[in-house]
Structure formats: structure tokens, C-alpha cells
Amino acid sequence: MKKASAVPNDPPEVLELFSSIAALSSKANAFDGVVVRSVAIQYAKQNDFFSGAGAAKTGGRFNPIGLQAVYASLDYELNNCQNERANRSGPAKVQEQVLA
């Protein structure tokens, strides 16, 4: 995943957030576990399944446009809850998805 950086045009709170994250990164531990991620079939390509490119293109719940992010869950139940949350604007469309 490409490392994102704040650009000078970002508001002060974004610059502060990036600075705080950078200061904490040396204390982070690697995650060695299994995550669940569901995506629509048309986005389930090996090269971008975990790239974060789609979230960067459209923005997401926790990332602005331009910042790559991969949304995943620790279990299937949480994954389903997150999908329901993402579809709050209307009834969830039933579509084929890939879980990995």
C-alpha cells in the first residue's frame, strides 16, 4: 500500500493528524491475524483487492478522497454490520461479493 502524506493545502487538523500518526508509528506492532473483507465482484481483482485505490478515488467513511484505505473486519459478523452501515442511504442492493 502506498504511503500517504499530507499536502500543504490540507487544513491544520489534517496536518496534526498525520503528525500524530507518524509519532506513534514506531510504537505500532504488526498485525498477524486474519481479516475479512468484502468487495463487489467488479473490484475483486488480485492487484487491487488490498490496494485501497477505490477508497482513495471516492473517499470513505474514515478517509478523504486521495487517501488510500483498506476497510476490513476481524470477523464476518462485523463485516456484515459495516456493509449495512455503508448502505444506510437506502436499501442495500443485493449483489455478488467476494469475501477474503
Protein backbone atom coordinates (compact mmCIF):
# COMPACT_ATOMS: atom_id res chain seq x y z
CA MET A 1 0.00 0.00 0.00
CA LYS A 2 1.31 3.42 -0.94
CA LYS A 3 2.27 5.65 1.98
CA ALA A 4 0.13 8.78 2.05
CA SER A 5 1.35 12.15 3.15
CA ALA A 6 -0.38 15.40 3.91
CA VAL A 7 -0.12 18.11 1.30
CA PRO A 8 0.41 21.78 2.26
CA ASN A 9 -3.19 22.62 1.24
CA ASP A 10 -4.63 20.34 3.92
CA PRO A 11 -6.35 22.02 6.90
CA PRO A 12 -4.34 22.24 10.14
CA GLU A 13 -6.28 19.40 11.79
CA VAL A 14 -5.28 17.02 8.96
CA LEU A 15 -1.63 18.04 9.26
CA GLU A 16 -1.85 17.49 13.02
CA LEU A 17 -3.41 14.06 12.49
CA PHE A 18 -0.64 12.97 10.12
CA SER A 19 1.98 14.24 12.58
CA SER A 20 0.36 12.30 15.45
CA ILE A 21 0.18 9.11 13.40
CA ALA A 22 3.83 9.46 12.37
CA ALA A 23 4.86 9.90 16.01
CA LEU A 24 3.00 6.70 17.01
CA SER A 25 4.17 4.50 14.14
CA SER A 26 7.38 3.47 15.91
CA LYS A 27 5.25 2.02 18.73
CA ALA A 28 2.97 0.02 16.44
CA ASN A 29 3.05 -3.76 16.32
CA ALA A 30 2.49 -5.80 13.20
CA PHE A 31 -0.89 -7.48 12.98
CA ASP A 32 -0.57 -11.20 12.45
CA GLY A 33 -4.11 -12.41 12.05
CA VAL A 34 -6.99 -12.91 9.68
CA VAL A 35 -9.27 -10.14 8.43
CA VAL A 36 -12.49 -10.31 6.45
CA ARG A 37 -13.02 -8.00 3.50
CA SER A 38 -15.94 -7.98 1.09
CA VAL A 39 -15.99 -6.20 -2.23
CA ALA A 40 -18.22 -6.25 -5.26
CA ILE A 41 -17.15 -8.68 -7.97
CA GLN A 42 -16.02 -5.94 -10.36
CA TYR A 43 -13.44 -4.75 -7.79
CA ALA A 44 -12.18 -8.19 -6.75
CA LYS A 45 -9.01 -8.16 -8.82
CA GLN A 46 -5.85 -9.60 -7.33
CA ASN A 47 -3.78 -6.46 -7.90
CA ASP A 48 -6.15 -4.06 -6.16
CA PHE A 49 -8.11 -6.16 -3.65
CA PHE A 50 -5.97 -4.69 -0.86
CA SER A 51 -4.66 -1.57 -2.64
CA GLY A 52 -7.04 0.99 -1.15
CA ALA A 53 -7.37 2.63 -4.58
CA GLY A 54 -11.18 2.61 -4.58
CA ALA A 55 -11.36 4.38 -1.22
CA ALA A 56 -8.81 6.92 -2.46
CA LYS A 57 -10.88 7.55 -5.58
CA THR A 58 -14.21 8.15 -3.85
CA GLY A 59 -13.35 8.74 -0.21
CA GLY A 60 -14.71 6.53 2.52
CA ARG A 61 -16.14 6.54 5.99
CA PHE A 62 -12.76 7.27 7.57
CA ASN A 63 -10.64 8.58 4.71
CA PRO A 64 -10.86 11.64 2.48
CA ILE A 65 -10.58 11.47 -1.30
CA GLY A 66 -6.95 10.90 -2.24
CA LEU A 67 -6.01 8.83 0.83
CA GLN A 68 -5.77 5.08 0.28
CA ALA A 69 -7.51 2.95 2.90
CA VAL A 70 -8.45 -0.72 3.10
CA TYR A 71 -11.59 -1.46 5.07
CA ALA A 72 -11.59 -4.89 6.69
CA SER A 73 -13.08 -6.58 9.76
CA LEU A 74 -11.93 -9.15 12.27
CA ASP A 75 -14.93 -11.41 11.68
CA TYR A 76 -17.88 -12.00 9.33
CA GLU A 77 -20.46 -10.51 11.69
CA LEU A 78 -18.63 -7.19 11.97
CA ASN A 79 -18.07 -7.20 8.21
CA ASN A 80 -21.84 -7.52 7.65
CA CYS A 81 -22.54 -4.70 10.13
CA GLN A 82 -20.07 -2.44 8.32
CA ASN A 83 -21.68 -3.23 4.97
CA GLU A 84 -25.11 -2.35 6.37
CA ARG A 85 -23.70 0.91 7.74
CA ALA A 86 -22.20 1.76 4.35
CA ASN A 87 -25.60 1.23 2.68
CA ARG A 88 -27.65 3.37 5.08
CA SER A 89 -28.65 5.77 2.35
CA GLY A 90 -31.18 3.25 1.11
CA PRO A 91 -31.94 -0.42 0.94
CA ALA A 92 -28.82 -2.47 0.45
CA LYS A 93 -28.54 -3.72 -3.09
CA VAL A 94 -28.09 -7.42 -3.33
CA GLN A 95 -25.04 -8.07 -5.43
CA GLU A 96 -22.42 -10.73 -5.75
CA GLN A 97 -19.48 -10.17 -3.45
CA VAL A 98 -16.17 -11.81 -2.75
CA LEU A 99 -15.14 -12.45 0.83
CA ALA A 100 -11.47 -12.94 1.57
